[in-house]
N, C-alpha and C. Protein backbone atom coordinates (compact mmCIF):
# COMPACT_ATOMS: atom_id res chain seq x y z
N MET A 1 79.99 111.11 126.83
CA MET A 1 79.47 111.49 125.66
C MET A 1 80.82 111.64 124.57
N ASN A 2 80.36 111.37 123.47
CA ASN A 2 81.29 111.32 122.39
C ASN A 2 81.73 113.07 122.36
N LYS A 3 83.09 112.80 121.41
CA LYS A 3 83.59 113.88 120.91
C LYS A 3 83.13 114.79 119.96
N CYS A 4 82.09 113.79 119.18
CA CYS A 4 81.45 114.40 118.04
C CYS A 4 80.12 114.57 118.22
N GLN A 5 79.53 115.64 117.85
CA GLN A 5 78.00 115.93 117.69
C GLN A 5 77.39 115.52 116.53
N TRP A 6 76.19 114.98 116.63
CA TRP A 6 75.60 114.22 115.43
C TRP A 6 74.08 114.87 115.35
N VAL A 7 73.65 115.40 114.27
CA VAL A 7 72.34 115.65 113.99
C VAL A 7 71.76 114.69 113.09
N SER A 8 70.41 114.31 113.16
CA SER A 8 69.69 113.29 112.54
C SER A 8 68.43 113.92 112.13
N LEU A 9 68.27 114.32 110.68
CA LEU A 9 67.03 114.83 110.31
C LEU A 9 66.43 113.95 109.32
N LEU A 10 66.12 114.34 108.02
CA LEU A 10 65.53 113.23 107.08
C LEU A 10 67.09 112.66 106.47
N LEU A 11 67.97 113.04 106.55
CA LEU A 11 69.27 112.53 106.01
C LEU A 11 70.16 112.42 107.33
N VAL A 12 71.25 111.90 107.66
CA VAL A 12 72.13 111.71 108.42
C VAL A 12 72.88 112.98 108.59
N VAL A 13 72.90 113.64 109.17
CA VAL A 13 73.71 115.19 108.96
C VAL A 13 74.61 114.98 110.08
N LEU A 14 75.94 114.92 109.59
CA LEU A 14 77.18 114.56 110.69
C LEU A 14 77.52 116.14 110.73
N LEU A 15 77.64 116.52 111.82
CA LEU A 15 78.55 117.40 112.29
C LEU A 15 79.54 117.08 113.24
N LEU A 16 80.66 116.72 112.58
CA LEU A 16 81.76 116.16 113.26
C LEU A 16 82.68 116.99 113.72
N GLY A 17 83.21 116.93 114.86
CA GLY A 17 84.44 117.70 115.15
C GLY A 17 85.41 116.93 114.76
N CYS A 18 86.44 116.14 115.27
CA CYS A 18 87.25 115.21 114.64
C CYS A 18 87.03 113.99 115.61
N VAL A 19 87.32 112.94 114.87
CA VAL A 19 87.34 111.56 115.41
C VAL A 19 88.33 111.18 116.40
N ASN A 20 89.34 112.11 116.41
CA ASN A 20 90.57 111.69 117.17
C ASN A 20 90.14 112.35 118.62
N SER A 21 91.21 112.43 119.44
CA SER A 21 90.91 112.64 120.84
C SER A 21 90.49 114.17 121.14
N LEU A 22 90.91 114.88 120.10
CA LEU A 22 90.18 116.37 120.30
C LEU A 22 89.44 117.10 119.27
N CYS A 23 88.64 117.84 119.33
CA CYS A 23 87.76 118.35 118.40
C CYS A 23 88.27 119.73 117.99
N ALA A 24 89.16 120.04 117.22
CA ALA A 24 89.81 121.22 116.90
C ALA A 24 88.91 121.95 115.67
N GLU A 25 87.99 121.39 114.98
CA GLU A 25 87.28 122.00 113.93
C GLU A 25 86.09 121.21 113.71
N THR A 26 85.11 121.71 112.87
CA THR A 26 83.69 121.29 112.75
C THR A 26 83.68 121.03 111.24
N THR A 27 83.13 120.01 110.83
CA THR A 27 83.12 119.50 109.22
C THR A 27 81.36 119.09 109.28
N ASN A 28 80.78 119.68 107.92
CA ASN A 28 79.65 119.22 107.91
C ASN A 28 79.56 118.14 106.79
N ALA A 29 78.81 117.01 106.97
CA ALA A 29 78.80 115.97 105.59
C ALA A 29 77.34 115.73 105.83
N VAL A 30 76.83 115.20 104.73
CA VAL A 30 75.61 114.26 104.71
C VAL A 30 75.62 113.00 104.20
N LEU A 31 75.14 112.10 104.69
CA LEU A 31 74.81 110.71 104.42
C LEU A 31 73.77 110.26 104.42
N ASP A 32 72.83 109.77 103.31
CA ASP A 32 71.51 109.43 103.06
C ASP A 32 71.68 107.83 103.55
N THR A 33 70.57 107.56 104.37
CA THR A 33 70.55 106.29 104.74
C THR A 33 69.07 105.64 104.16
N PRO A 34 68.84 104.45 103.82
CA PRO A 34 67.31 103.78 103.38
C PRO A 34 66.47 104.22 104.38
N GLY A 35 66.68 104.24 105.75
CA GLY A 35 65.59 104.04 106.83
C GLY A 35 65.60 105.73 107.14
N SER A 36 65.04 105.79 108.44
CA SER A 36 64.97 107.19 109.12
C SER A 36 65.98 107.20 110.46
N ALA A 37 67.30 107.84 110.14
CA ALA A 37 68.08 107.87 111.20
C ALA A 37 67.65 108.38 112.34
N LEU A 38 67.56 107.53 113.44
CA LEU A 38 66.89 107.94 114.67
C LEU A 38 68.03 108.29 115.92
N ASP A 39 69.09 107.63 115.81
CA ASP A 39 69.90 107.86 116.82
C ASP A 39 71.29 107.24 116.13
N VAL A 40 72.34 107.75 117.07
CA VAL A 40 73.71 107.50 116.56
C VAL A 40 74.58 107.36 117.64
N ALA A 41 75.55 106.56 117.40
CA ALA A 41 76.80 106.09 118.42
C ALA A 41 78.10 106.28 117.82
N ALA A 42 79.13 106.89 118.28
CA ALA A 42 80.39 106.84 117.43
C ALA A 42 81.49 106.20 118.53
N GLU A 43 82.38 105.52 117.64
CA GLU A 43 83.65 104.87 118.43
C GLU A 43 84.63 104.87 117.43
N GLY A 44 85.93 105.54 117.88
CA GLY A 44 87.02 105.41 116.70
C GLY A 44 86.61 106.03 115.43
N SER A 45 86.92 105.55 114.25
CA SER A 45 86.60 105.86 113.16
C SER A 45 85.15 105.48 112.82
N HIS A 46 84.44 104.80 113.42
CA HIS A 46 83.19 104.50 112.80
C HIS A 46 81.92 105.17 113.68
N ALA A 47 80.72 105.30 113.10
CA ALA A 47 79.53 105.99 113.44
C ALA A 47 78.55 104.63 113.20
N PHE A 48 77.67 104.38 114.44
CA PHE A 48 76.78 103.42 114.35
C PHE A 48 75.21 103.97 114.32
N VAL A 49 74.47 103.70 113.34
CA VAL A 49 73.20 104.28 113.26
C VAL A 49 72.28 103.26 113.48
N ALA A 50 71.28 103.92 114.44
CA ALA A 50 69.72 103.23 114.31
C ALA A 50 69.01 103.81 113.43
N ASP A 51 68.70 102.88 112.47
CA ASP A 51 68.23 103.57 111.18
C ASP A 51 66.80 103.08 110.69
N GLY A 52 65.99 103.18 111.94
CA GLY A 52 64.65 102.81 111.97
C GLY A 52 64.30 101.50 111.21
N ALA A 53 63.52 101.51 110.36
CA ALA A 53 63.25 100.42 109.48
C ALA A 53 64.51 99.76 108.45
N GLY A 54 65.59 100.50 108.45
CA GLY A 54 66.92 100.30 107.94
C GLY A 54 67.88 99.52 108.78
N GLY A 55 67.35 99.27 109.85
CA GLY A 55 68.38 98.50 110.79
C GLY A 55 69.41 99.27 111.28
N LEU A 56 70.69 98.67 111.47
CA LEU A 56 71.88 99.30 112.15
C LEU A 56 72.81 99.49 110.86
N ARG A 57 73.12 100.72 110.66
CA ARG A 57 74.10 101.15 109.58
C ARG A 57 75.48 101.35 110.46
N VAL A 58 76.40 100.92 109.49
CA VAL A 58 77.84 101.15 110.22
C VAL A 58 78.62 102.17 108.96
N VAL A 59 78.87 103.42 109.57
CA VAL A 59 79.72 104.42 108.81
C VAL A 59 80.98 104.80 109.03
N ASP A 60 81.91 104.70 108.10
CA ASP A 60 83.28 105.19 108.42
C ASP A 60 83.37 106.53 108.26
N VAL A 61 83.90 107.23 109.51
CA VAL A 61 83.91 108.39 109.42
C VAL A 61 85.55 108.91 109.35
N THR A 62 86.51 108.23 108.96
CA THR A 62 87.90 108.34 109.05
C THR A 62 88.04 109.73 108.35
N VAL A 63 87.29 110.02 107.28
CA VAL A 63 87.41 111.42 106.33
C VAL A 63 86.07 111.81 106.88
N PRO A 64 86.07 112.86 107.71
CA PRO A 64 84.82 113.49 108.42
C PRO A 64 83.92 114.10 107.14
N SER A 65 84.67 114.73 106.21
CA SER A 65 83.89 115.31 105.01
C SER A 65 83.22 114.26 104.31
N SER A 66 83.63 113.10 104.18
CA SER A 66 83.05 112.28 103.40
C SER A 66 82.78 110.80 103.83
N PRO A 67 81.80 110.65 104.97
CA PRO A 67 81.41 109.61 105.11
C PRO A 67 81.18 108.20 104.15
N GLN A 68 81.57 107.17 104.66
CA GLN A 68 80.96 106.22 103.74
C GLN A 68 80.40 104.79 104.69
N GLU A 69 79.27 104.49 104.14
CA GLU A 69 78.53 103.28 104.67
C GLU A 69 79.84 102.19 104.48
N VAL A 70 80.01 101.30 105.38
CA VAL A 70 80.70 100.18 105.11
C VAL A 70 79.91 98.76 105.54
N ALA A 71 78.93 98.80 106.24
CA ALA A 71 78.20 97.40 106.79
C ALA A 71 76.74 98.18 107.12
N ALA A 72 75.85 97.18 107.14
CA ALA A 72 74.48 97.17 107.60
C ALA A 72 74.16 95.75 108.11
N THR A 73 73.31 95.95 109.10
CA THR A 73 72.53 94.56 109.63
C THR A 73 71.23 94.87 109.91
N ALA A 74 70.28 94.08 109.20
CA ALA A 74 68.94 94.04 109.11
C ALA A 74 68.32 93.43 110.39
N LEU A 75 67.52 94.21 111.01
CA LEU A 75 67.12 94.06 112.60
C LEU A 75 65.51 93.85 112.37
N SER A 76 64.96 92.84 113.30
CA SER A 76 63.39 92.97 113.58
C SER A 76 63.12 94.19 114.29
N GLY A 77 61.94 94.72 114.11
CA GLY A 77 61.55 95.72 114.68
C GLY A 77 62.10 97.30 114.12
N THR A 78 61.97 98.28 114.86
CA THR A 78 62.38 99.52 114.12
C THR A 78 63.55 100.08 115.28
N ALA A 79 64.83 100.10 114.49
CA ALA A 79 66.02 100.46 115.45
C ALA A 79 65.81 101.92 115.68
N SER A 80 65.52 102.43 117.09
CA SER A 80 65.32 103.57 117.43
C SER A 80 66.36 104.29 118.40
N GLY A 81 66.97 103.39 118.99
CA GLY A 81 68.00 104.07 119.88
C GLY A 81 69.39 103.08 119.71
N ILE A 82 70.63 103.66 120.27
CA ILE A 82 71.88 102.90 120.24
C ILE A 82 72.56 103.24 121.23
N ALA A 83 73.33 102.20 121.88
CA ALA A 83 74.42 102.52 122.67
C ALA A 83 75.41 101.60 122.47
N LEU A 84 76.64 101.82 122.74
CA LEU A 84 77.68 101.11 122.38
C LEU A 84 78.16 100.54 123.76
N TYR A 85 78.72 99.26 123.95
CA TYR A 85 79.24 98.86 125.08
C TYR A 85 80.39 97.87 124.73
N GLY A 86 81.61 98.31 124.89
CA GLY A 86 82.72 97.32 124.55
C GLY A 86 82.75 97.31 122.83
N SER A 87 82.71 95.84 122.72
CA SER A 87 82.75 95.40 121.16
C SER A 87 81.17 95.44 120.96
N TYR A 88 80.22 95.84 121.58
CA TYR A 88 78.83 95.38 120.99
C TYR A 88 78.05 96.80 121.13
N ALA A 89 76.96 96.53 120.21
CA ALA A 89 76.13 97.90 120.02
C ALA A 89 74.65 97.33 120.60
N LEU A 90 74.00 98.04 121.39
CA LEU A 90 72.84 97.60 122.02
C LEU A 90 71.85 98.49 121.30
N VAL A 91 70.76 98.00 120.44
CA VAL A 91 70.05 98.55 119.58
C VAL A 91 68.57 98.45 120.31
N ALA A 92 67.84 99.59 120.68
CA ALA A 92 66.43 99.64 120.98
C ALA A 92 65.53 99.34 119.77
N SER A 93 64.71 98.24 119.72
CA SER A 93 64.06 97.91 118.39
C SER A 93 62.44 97.69 118.63
N GLY A 94 61.88 98.60 119.27
CA GLY A 94 60.57 98.68 119.65
C GLY A 94 60.18 97.33 120.22
N SER A 95 58.89 96.92 119.62
CA SER A 95 58.51 95.60 120.28
C SER A 95 59.28 94.31 120.16
N SER A 96 60.50 94.56 119.33
CA SER A 96 61.55 93.07 119.13
C SER A 96 62.47 93.34 120.21
N GLY A 97 62.20 94.34 121.12
CA GLY A 97 63.34 94.42 122.57
C GLY A 97 64.71 95.08 122.01
N ILE A 98 65.65 94.71 122.76
CA ILE A 98 67.11 95.01 122.56
C ILE A 98 67.81 93.91 121.96
N GLN A 99 68.30 94.65 120.85
CA GLN A 99 69.08 93.66 120.09
C GLN A 99 70.54 93.69 120.39
N ILE A 100 71.22 92.74 120.69
CA ILE A 100 72.87 93.30 120.94
C ILE A 100 73.51 92.74 119.59
N ILE A 101 74.15 93.51 118.82
CA ILE A 101 74.88 93.21 117.83
C ILE A 101 76.55 93.35 118.11
N ASP A 102 77.54 92.33 117.77
CA ASP A 102 78.79 92.15 117.91
C ASP A 102 79.18 93.10 116.91
N ILE A 103 80.07 93.91 117.35
CA ILE A 103 80.72 95.14 116.41
C ILE A 103 82.12 94.89 116.55
N SER A 104 82.99 93.86 116.94
CA SER A 104 84.18 93.78 117.19
C SER A 104 85.05 93.95 115.48
N SER A 105 84.13 93.52 114.60
CA SER A 105 84.67 93.76 113.45
C SER A 105 83.65 94.70 112.94
N ALA A 106 83.96 96.10 112.91
CA ALA A 106 82.78 97.04 112.32
C ALA A 106 82.32 96.81 111.11
N ASP A 107 83.24 96.22 110.15
CA ASP A 107 82.83 96.08 108.77
C ASP A 107 81.92 94.77 108.64
N ASN A 108 81.67 94.15 109.71
CA ASN A 108 80.98 92.71 109.57
C ASN A 108 80.09 92.47 110.84
N PRO A 109 79.21 93.54 111.35
CA PRO A 109 78.54 93.15 112.45
C PRO A 109 77.61 92.06 112.31
N GLN A 110 77.52 91.63 113.73
CA GLN A 110 76.77 90.30 113.51
C GLN A 110 75.90 90.13 114.60
N PRO A 111 74.49 89.78 114.74
CA PRO A 111 73.80 89.45 115.68
C PRO A 111 74.27 88.91 116.98
N TYR A 112 74.10 89.17 117.99
CA TYR A 112 74.51 88.22 119.22
C TYR A 112 73.52 87.74 120.03
N ALA A 113 72.50 88.57 120.36
CA ALA A 113 71.60 88.12 121.17
C ALA A 113 70.46 88.97 121.10
N THR A 114 69.15 88.68 121.80
CA THR A 114 68.17 89.66 121.76
C THR A 114 67.60 89.53 123.38
N LEU A 115 67.23 90.78 123.70
CA LEU A 115 66.86 90.77 125.17
C LEU A 115 65.41 91.22 124.89
N PRO A 116 64.32 90.15 125.17
CA PRO A 116 62.96 90.88 125.22
C PRO A 116 62.65 91.92 126.25
N VAL A 117 61.59 92.89 126.05
CA VAL A 117 61.05 93.54 127.06
C VAL A 117 59.58 93.54 127.15
N SER A 118 59.14 93.83 128.22
CA SER A 118 57.67 94.08 128.19
C SER A 118 57.54 95.59 127.78
N GLY A 119 56.86 95.63 126.70
CA GLY A 119 56.42 96.94 126.02
C GLY A 119 56.99 97.31 125.09
N THR A 120 57.78 98.57 124.95
CA THR A 120 58.43 99.03 123.59
C THR A 120 59.66 99.42 124.02
N ALA A 121 60.98 98.96 123.26
CA ALA A 121 62.11 99.53 123.62
C ALA A 121 62.26 100.70 122.39
N GLN A 122 62.55 101.95 123.19
CA GLN A 122 62.67 103.16 122.02
C GLN A 122 63.80 103.63 122.03
N ASP A 123 64.72 103.43 123.32
CA ASP A 123 65.78 104.38 123.49
C ASP A 123 66.70 103.36 124.47
N ILE A 124 68.09 103.70 124.54
CA ILE A 124 68.76 102.71 125.17
C ILE A 124 70.24 103.81 125.57
N ASN A 125 70.26 103.66 127.05
CA ASN A 125 71.63 104.36 127.42
C ASN A 125 72.33 103.30 128.65
N ILE A 126 73.45 103.54 128.39
CA ILE A 126 74.25 102.73 129.49
C ILE A 126 74.85 103.62 130.60
N VAL A 127 74.75 103.47 131.60
CA VAL A 127 75.35 104.18 132.75
C VAL A 127 76.49 103.40 133.39
N ALA A 128 77.73 103.97 133.25
CA ALA A 128 78.80 103.44 134.05
C ALA A 128 78.50 103.35 135.36
N PRO A 129 79.16 102.34 136.19
CA PRO A 129 79.13 102.54 137.73
C PRO A 129 79.90 103.63 138.12
N MET A 130 79.82 104.06 139.26
CA MET A 130 80.85 105.10 139.99
C MET A 130 82.15 104.37 140.21
N ARG A 131 83.08 105.21 140.31
CA ARG A 131 84.39 104.54 140.59
C ARG A 131 84.56 105.31 142.02
N THR A 132 85.17 104.41 143.01
CA THR A 132 85.55 104.93 144.21
C THR A 132 86.97 105.32 144.44
């Protein structure tokens, strides 16, 4: 789980603790996106938004009270779910499958690969293996 809580309504409503290691306070901020924000994942000072027909949106949350969109990537399908794994964002994109985006440079996300699925990819979660 991220240390920040996010709620997506018609607008992306960001209920941020802090982006740092401890959540000491909550800040409310709003950022309108061109699509329908359906899911969000945060890493460091960036939030990655699965924005429906709006594709993948990258938001700088360094100043939690003033989030700024810094990049966007058009995706085929409808971006409805997102998970982060290292320097990659895995985006569930409906009948277009799972799209893997290289986010090693968050300000310049690049398509990396597409994994086809039978049916419709609506959400994605990454489960880490248990350590012994």
